[in-house]
Amino acid sequence: MAMFSKEEDKIINLGQNAISEKFEEGVSKALDSLTKIGTGYLNERKEPEAEKMVISIKELGKAAALQGMENAAVNAIRALEKILQCSMEQDTEGTTVRVLLSFGTIGKTAAEHQLEMVAKLAASVLGKSGNTAALLNRERETIAVVIGLGEIGKSVYKMKFPDISENSAICISCLGDMGKITAQRSLEKAAVGVELMLEEMAVAAMQENLQNSVRSIATSIEDIGKNAEEEDMENAVFQASSALQTIMSSAENRYLNDASIAAKIALESFNYLDIINDEANIKKVEVIREMMRTLWADSQ
C-alpha cells in the first residue's frame, strides 16, 4: 500500500484540526489540496496513491457530518465528484468504486445526524453516477452505487421524522431506475443487487411503520422483476418474488395492511410463471448479497 508523503500528512492533519475547531475554510483548503493531489495521481496512473486520497477525503467528509458541519460535508462530496470524473476518464475501476462507496458513507452519516441536505446531495450524485455506470455496462461500479443508495435510504428511516424526508423517495426512485436499466442491459448481478437493497429498505421502513415507502418499494421491485422476466434473468425474477414474499409476510405480521396488500398484488403479477425456488437461485443470490456486504465493509 502507498505511504502518505509528509506533505499529505500535513494537509490531512490540518483538515482534521479544522474540523475539530469547526473552521469551515480550513476544511475547504485541505479538501482542495487532497483533490488536486488525488487527480494528479490518477493522471499518472498511480491508483493506490489516488485511493488513499479518496479515503482521506471520505474521512474528512464523515468527520464533518459527525460535527454537523454541513458545508464541509458538501465540499467533501464535491471534491469526490472531481476525482470521480477523472477516474471515469482514466477508466480506473478500483478508484471509481471507492469514490462511489464514499458517497454512500458520507450520505449515511449525514442522514444519521439529521443533515438532510448532505444526504440528499450524496443520493442524487449516486443516482446520476449509477445510471451512467449501468448504461456503460460497468457492473461493479453500478453495484457500488446500489449499495450506497441503499445504505443512505436505510439510514433515513432511522431519522427523527423519516416520513417527511424526501430522501427515502429519492433513494427508492434512483434504485428503481437503475434496476430497470440493469435488467434491460442483462446486468443480472446488479439487478439482483438493487432488489436486495430495496428489500432491506422495505424491512427498515416497516420497522418504522412507513407504509407509503413500503408500497413504492414493492412497486419498484415488481417493475424490475417484470423487466428481468422479459430478459429471461431467472435469478433476478426469483429475487423479486422472494423480496415481495418477505415484504408481504413481514407487513402482515406488523398489521401494515396497505403494505401487505401492495406486495401481494405485485407478487400476483408473477403468478403465471412458476418461479423456480431451487437451490441454485438461492445460492446465486446469497453470493451476490455476500459480495455486496464485503464491498461495503471494506469501504468503511
Protein backbone atom coordinates (compact mmCIF):
# COMPACT_ATOMS: atom_id res chain seq x y z
CA MET A 1 0.00 0.00 0.00
CA ALA A 2 1.20 3.51 -0.79
CA MET A 3 2.53 5.60 2.08
CA PHE A 4 1.48 9.18 2.68
CA SER A 5 4.12 11.79 1.96
CA LYS A 6 5.00 14.32 4.69
CA GLU A 7 3.12 16.96 2.71
CA GLU A 8 -0.03 14.81 2.50
CA ASP A 9 0.13 14.01 6.20
CA LYS A 10 0.34 17.71 6.98
CA ILE A 11 -2.73 18.50 4.85
CA ILE A 12 -4.78 15.69 6.41
CA ASN A 13 -3.87 16.89 9.92
CA LEU A 14 -4.79 20.46 9.03
CA GLY A 15 -8.17 19.22 7.75
CA GLN A 16 -8.83 17.19 10.90
CA ASN A 17 -7.86 20.10 13.16
CA ALA A 18 -10.07 22.47 11.17
CA ILE A 19 -13.00 20.09 11.75
CA SER A 20 -12.41 19.87 15.47
CA GLU A 21 -12.27 23.68 15.58
CA LYS A 22 -15.31 23.94 13.27
CA PHE A 23 -13.24 26.11 10.92
CA GLU A 24 -15.01 25.63 7.55
CA GLU A 25 -12.42 27.47 5.47
CA GLY A 26 -9.59 25.29 6.78
CA VAL A 27 -11.52 22.14 5.83
CA SER A 28 -12.17 23.53 2.32
CA LYS A 29 -8.48 24.24 1.82
CA ALA A 30 -7.47 20.76 2.90
CA LEU A 31 -10.11 19.19 0.62
CA ASP A 32 -8.94 21.25 -2.37
CA SER A 33 -5.33 20.18 -1.82
CA LEU A 34 -6.23 16.50 -1.44
CA THR A 35 -8.37 16.67 -4.61
CA LYS A 36 -5.50 18.15 -6.63
CA ILE A 37 -3.09 15.51 -5.34
CA GLY A 38 -5.63 12.71 -5.98
CA THR A 39 -6.37 13.72 -9.57
CA GLY A 40 -2.63 14.16 -10.14
CA TYR A 41 -2.05 10.58 -9.05
CA LEU A 42 -4.81 9.33 -11.34
CA ASN A 43 -3.33 11.16 -14.31
CA GLU A 44 -0.02 9.43 -13.51
CA ARG A 45 -1.91 6.11 -13.23
CA LYS A 46 -0.86 5.77 -9.58
CA GLU A 47 -4.07 4.15 -8.44
CA PRO A 48 -3.13 3.02 -4.90
CA GLU A 49 -1.97 6.56 -4.09
CA ALA A 50 -5.14 8.06 -5.56
CA GLU A 51 -7.27 5.70 -3.48
CA LYS A 52 -5.54 6.88 -0.32
CA MET A 53 -6.57 10.45 -1.16
CA VAL A 54 -10.15 9.25 -1.69
CA ILE A 55 -10.12 7.60 1.74
CA SER A 56 -8.76 10.79 3.36
CA ILE A 57 -11.44 12.95 1.72
CA LYS A 58 -14.13 10.47 2.76
CA GLU A 59 -12.87 10.51 6.36
CA LEU A 60 -12.93 14.33 6.42
CA GLY A 61 -16.45 14.33 4.96
CA LYS A 62 -17.61 11.81 7.51
CA ALA A 63 -16.00 13.72 10.39
CA ALA A 64 -17.61 16.95 9.13
CA ALA A 65 -21.04 15.27 9.07
CA LEU A 66 -20.50 13.95 12.60
CA GLN A 67 -19.74 17.52 13.71
CA GLY A 68 -22.84 18.87 11.94
CA MET A 69 -20.68 20.89 9.53
CA GLU A 70 -22.97 20.92 6.53
CA ASN A 71 -20.80 23.00 4.17
CA ALA A 72 -17.67 20.98 4.84
CA ALA A 73 -19.55 17.72 4.20
CA VAL A 74 -20.94 19.15 0.94
CA ASN A 75 -17.42 20.21 -0.06
CA ALA A 76 -16.16 16.69 0.57
CA ILE A 77 -18.83 15.31 -1.78
CA ARG A 78 -17.91 17.92 -4.41
CA ALA A 79 -14.22 17.03 -4.03
CA LEU A 80 -15.00 13.35 -4.55
CA GLU A 81 -17.05 14.23 -7.64
CA LYS A 82 -13.96 15.80 -9.22
CA ILE A 83 -11.94 12.67 -8.52
CA LEU A 84 -14.80 10.54 -9.86
CA GLN A 85 -14.80 12.44 -13.14
CA CYS A 86 -11.06 11.96 -13.52
CA SER A 87 -11.29 8.29 -12.52
CA MET A 88 -14.06 7.62 -15.06
CA GLU A 89 -11.96 9.27 -17.79
CA GLN A 90 -8.91 7.22 -16.81
CA ASP A 91 -11.07 4.09 -16.51
CA THR A 92 -9.60 3.24 -13.10
CA GLU A 93 -12.36 0.98 -11.81
CA GLY A 94 -10.91 0.44 -8.34
CA THR A 95 -10.79 4.17 -7.59
CA THR A 96 -14.22 4.77 -9.11
CA VAL A 97 -15.77 2.06 -6.91
CA ARG A 98 -14.06 3.52 -3.84
CA VAL A 99 -15.36 7.03 -4.61
CA LEU A 100 -18.92 5.75 -5.15
CA LEU A 101 -18.89 3.85 -1.85
CA SER A 102 -17.53 7.02 -0.17
CA PHE A 103 -20.60 8.99 -1.28
CA GLY A 104 -22.64 6.28 0.46
CA THR A 105 -20.63 6.57 3.67
CA ILE A 106 -20.88 10.37 3.86
CA GLY A 107 -24.59 10.29 2.94
CA LYS A 108 -25.36 7.63 5.53
CA THR A 109 -23.50 9.52 8.27
CA ALA A 110 -25.26 12.74 7.25
CA ALA A 111 -28.70 11.09 7.37
CA GLU A 112 -27.98 9.65 10.81
CA HIS A 113 -27.08 13.15 12.04
CA GLN A 114 -30.11 14.89 10.53
CA LEU A 115 -28.13 16.66 7.78
CA GLU A 116 -30.90 16.25 5.19
CA MET A 117 -29.29 18.37 2.51
CA VAL A 118 -25.99 16.50 2.58
CA ALA A 119 -27.72 13.11 2.46
CA LYS A 120 -29.84 14.33 -0.46
CA LEU A 121 -26.81 15.55 -2.37
CA ALA A 122 -24.99 12.25 -1.83
CA ALA A 123 -28.06 10.30 -3.02
CA SER A 124 -28.57 12.40 -6.13
CA VAL A 125 -24.89 12.25 -7.10
CA LEU A 126 -25.07 8.47 -6.69
CA GLY A 127 -28.26 8.27 -8.75
CA LYS A 128 -26.66 10.09 -11.68
CA SER A 129 -23.45 8.05 -11.46
CA GLY A 130 -25.43 4.82 -11.25
CA ASN A 131 -27.37 5.40 -14.44
CA THR A 132 -24.13 6.29 -16.23
CA ALA A 133 -22.36 3.19 -14.93
CA ALA A 134 -25.29 0.93 -15.84
CA LEU A 135 -25.57 2.38 -19.37
CA LEU A 136 -21.82 1.79 -19.82
CA ASN A 137 -22.30 -1.82 -18.60
CA ARG A 138 -19.93 -1.23 -15.69
CA GLU A 139 -21.45 -3.74 -13.33
CA ARG A 140 -19.12 -3.41 -10.36
CA GLU A 141 -19.48 0.39 -10.34
CA THR A 142 -23.24 0.04 -10.64
CA ILE A 143 -23.29 -2.30 -7.64
CA ALA A 144 -21.22 0.20 -5.61
CA VAL A 145 -23.88 2.86 -6.33
CA VAL A 146 -26.67 0.47 -5.39
CA ILE A 147 -25.03 -0.24 -2.02
CA GLY A 148 -24.53 3.48 -1.30
CA LEU A 149 -28.13 4.38 -2.14
CA GLY A 150 -29.47 1.51 -0.04
CA GLU A 151 -27.33 2.48 2.95
CA ILE A 152 -28.46 6.12 2.76
CA GLY A 153 -32.08 5.01 2.33
CA LYS A 154 -31.99 2.71 5.36
CA SER A 155 -30.40 5.46 7.49
CA VAL A 156 -33.07 7.98 6.51
CA TYR A 157 -35.70 5.71 8.07
CA LYS A 158 -33.87 5.89 11.39
CA MET A 159 -34.13 9.70 11.47
CA LYS A 160 -36.43 11.53 13.88
CA PHE A 161 -39.08 12.33 11.27
CA PRO A 162 -38.45 9.86 8.47
CA ASP A 163 -41.88 10.32 6.92
CA ILE A 164 -41.23 13.95 6.00
CA SER A 165 -37.87 13.26 4.41
CA GLU A 166 -37.69 13.38 0.61
CA ASN A 167 -34.53 11.34 0.79
CA SER A 168 -36.10 7.91 1.03
CA ALA A 169 -38.21 8.68 -2.05
CA ILE A 170 -35.08 9.78 -3.92
CA CYS A 171 -33.24 6.58 -2.97
CA ILE A 172 -36.21 4.40 -3.97
CA SER A 173 -36.68 6.10 -7.32
CA CYS A 174 -32.95 6.09 -8.16
CA LEU A 175 -32.74 2.39 -7.27
CA GLY A 176 -35.90 1.68 -9.27
CA ASP A 177 -34.49 3.41 -12.37
CA MET A 178 -31.20 1.59 -12.04
CA GLY A 179 -32.98 -1.70 -11.53
CA LYS A 180 -34.82 -1.29 -14.82
CA ILE A 181 -31.66 -0.29 -16.72
CA THR A 182 -29.64 -3.19 -15.27
CA ALA A 183 -32.42 -5.63 -16.17
CA GLN A 184 -32.65 -4.29 -19.73
CA ARG A 185 -28.88 -4.49 -20.10
CA SER A 186 -28.74 -8.01 -18.68
CA LEU A 187 -26.52 -6.95 -15.76
CA GLU A 188 -28.08 -9.63 -13.64
CA LYS A 189 -25.87 -9.29 -10.56
CA ALA A 190 -26.59 -5.58 -10.39
CA ALA A 191 -30.34 -6.14 -10.90
CA VAL A 192 -30.38 -8.66 -8.05
CA GLY A 193 -28.32 -6.19 -6.00
CA VAL A 194 -30.94 -3.47 -6.48
CA GLU A 195 -33.70 -5.87 -5.39
CA LEU A 196 -31.71 -6.90 -2.31
CA MET A 197 -31.17 -3.26 -1.27
CA LEU A 198 -34.83 -2.38 -1.87
CA GLU A 199 -35.83 -5.36 0.27
CA GLU A 200 -33.53 -4.18 3.09
CA MET A 201 -35.02 -0.68 2.80
CA ALA A 202 -38.52 -2.16 2.98
CA VAL A 203 -37.62 -4.03 6.17
CA ALA A 204 -36.23 -0.81 7.69
CA ALA A 205 -39.35 1.13 6.62
CA MET A 206 -41.65 -1.48 8.16
CA GLN A 207 -39.86 -1.15 11.48
CA GLU A 208 -40.94 2.50 11.44
CA ASN A 209 -44.46 1.65 10.14
CA LEU A 210 -43.92 3.70 6.98
CA GLN A 211 -46.46 2.09 4.68
CA ASN A 212 -46.12 4.55 1.79
CA SER A 213 -42.43 3.79 1.43
CA VAL A 214 -43.09 0.06 1.55
CA ARG A 215 -45.76 0.40 -1.12
CA SER A 216 -43.49 2.28 -3.50
CA ILE A 217 -40.66 -0.20 -2.86
CA ALA A 218 -43.00 -3.10 -3.72
CA THR A 219 -43.91 -1.38 -7.00
CA SER A 220 -40.23 -0.79 -7.85
CA ILE A 221 -39.36 -4.43 -7.18
CA GLU A 222 -42.28 -5.56 -9.33
CA ASP A 223 -41.09 -3.34 -12.24
CA ILE A 224 -37.56 -4.70 -12.02
CA GLY A 225 -38.87 -8.28 -11.86
CA LYS A 226 -41.02 -7.66 -14.94
CA ASN A 227 -38.05 -6.32 -16.91
CA ALA A 228 -35.94 -9.24 -15.72
CA GLU A 229 -38.63 -11.65 -16.87
CA GLU A 230 -38.51 -10.22 -20.41
CA GLU A 231 -34.75 -10.75 -20.44
CA ASP A 232 -35.01 -14.30 -19.03
CA MET A 233 -32.96 -13.37 -15.99
CA GLU A 234 -34.03 -16.16 -13.68
CA ASN A 235 -32.10 -15.05 -10.58
CA ALA A 236 -33.49 -11.52 -10.75
CA VAL A 237 -37.06 -12.80 -11.22
CA PHE A 238 -36.53 -15.18 -8.33
CA GLN A 239 -35.18 -12.41 -6.06
CA ALA A 240 -38.05 -10.06 -6.99
CA SER A 241 -40.63 -12.64 -5.98
CA SER A 242 -38.70 -13.64 -2.88
CA ALA A 243 -38.39 -9.96 -1.77
CA LEU A 244 -42.12 -9.41 -2.32
CA GLN A 245 -42.93 -12.54 -0.30
CA THR A 246 -40.74 -11.27 2.55
CA ILE A 247 -42.43 -7.85 2.45
CA MET A 248 -45.90 -9.37 2.31
CA SER A 249 -45.43 -11.64 5.32
CA SER A 250 -43.50 -9.08 7.41
CA ALA A 251 -46.10 -6.40 6.71
CA GLU A 252 -48.88 -8.81 7.66
CA ASN A 253 -47.16 -9.65 10.94
CA ARG A 254 -46.94 -5.94 11.76
CA TYR A 255 -50.58 -5.29 10.79
CA LEU A 256 -49.46 -3.00 7.96
CA ASN A 257 -52.38 -3.98 5.75
CA ASP A 258 -51.83 -1.49 2.92
CA ALA A 259 -48.22 -2.53 2.52
CA SER A 260 -49.09 -6.22 2.70
CA ILE A 261 -51.80 -5.87 0.03
CA ALA A 262 -49.45 -3.88 -2.22
CA ALA A 263 -46.82 -6.62 -2.02
CA LYS A 264 -49.45 -9.32 -2.60
CA ILE A 265 -50.76 -7.60 -5.73
CA ALA A 266 -47.21 -7.11 -7.03
CA LEU A 267 -46.48 -10.75 -6.37
CA GLU A 268 -49.59 -11.91 -8.23
CA SER A 269 -48.25 -10.36 -11.42
CA PHE A 270 -45.62 -13.12 -11.40
CA ASN A 271 -48.09 -15.92 -10.81
CA TYR A 272 -48.28 -17.42 -14.28
CA LEU A 273 -44.56 -18.01 -14.06
CA ASP A 274 -43.80 -20.83 -11.70
CA ILE A 275 -40.77 -19.27 -10.10
CA ILE A 276 -38.21 -21.93 -9.50
CA ASN A 277 -37.32 -21.86 -5.83
CA ASP A 278 -34.33 -24.00 -6.44
CA GLU A 279 -31.07 -24.15 -4.54
CA ALA A 280 -29.12 -22.71 -7.46
CA ASN A 281 -31.12 -19.46 -7.42
CA ILE A 282 -30.92 -19.15 -3.66
CA LYS A 283 -27.14 -19.75 -3.75
CA LYS A 284 -26.56 -17.20 -6.53
CA VAL A 285 -28.49 -14.53 -4.65
CA GLU A 286 -26.57 -15.29 -1.46
CA VAL A 287 -23.25 -14.96 -3.29
CA ILE A 288 -24.30 -11.51 -4.56
CA ARG A 289 -25.51 -10.48 -1.09
CA GLU A 290 -22.20 -11.55 0.45
CA MET A 291 -20.16 -9.75 -2.23
CA MET A 292 -22.09 -6.54 -1.52
CA ARG A 293 -21.65 -6.85 2.24
CA THR A 294 -17.91 -7.33 1.80
CA LEU A 295 -17.57 -4.37 -0.57
CA TRP A 296 -19.39 -2.12 1.91
CA ALA A 297 -17.49 -3.43 4.95
CA ASP A 298 -14.15 -2.93 3.18
CA SER A 299 -15.03 0.65 2.35
CA GLN A 300 -15.89 1.69 5.91
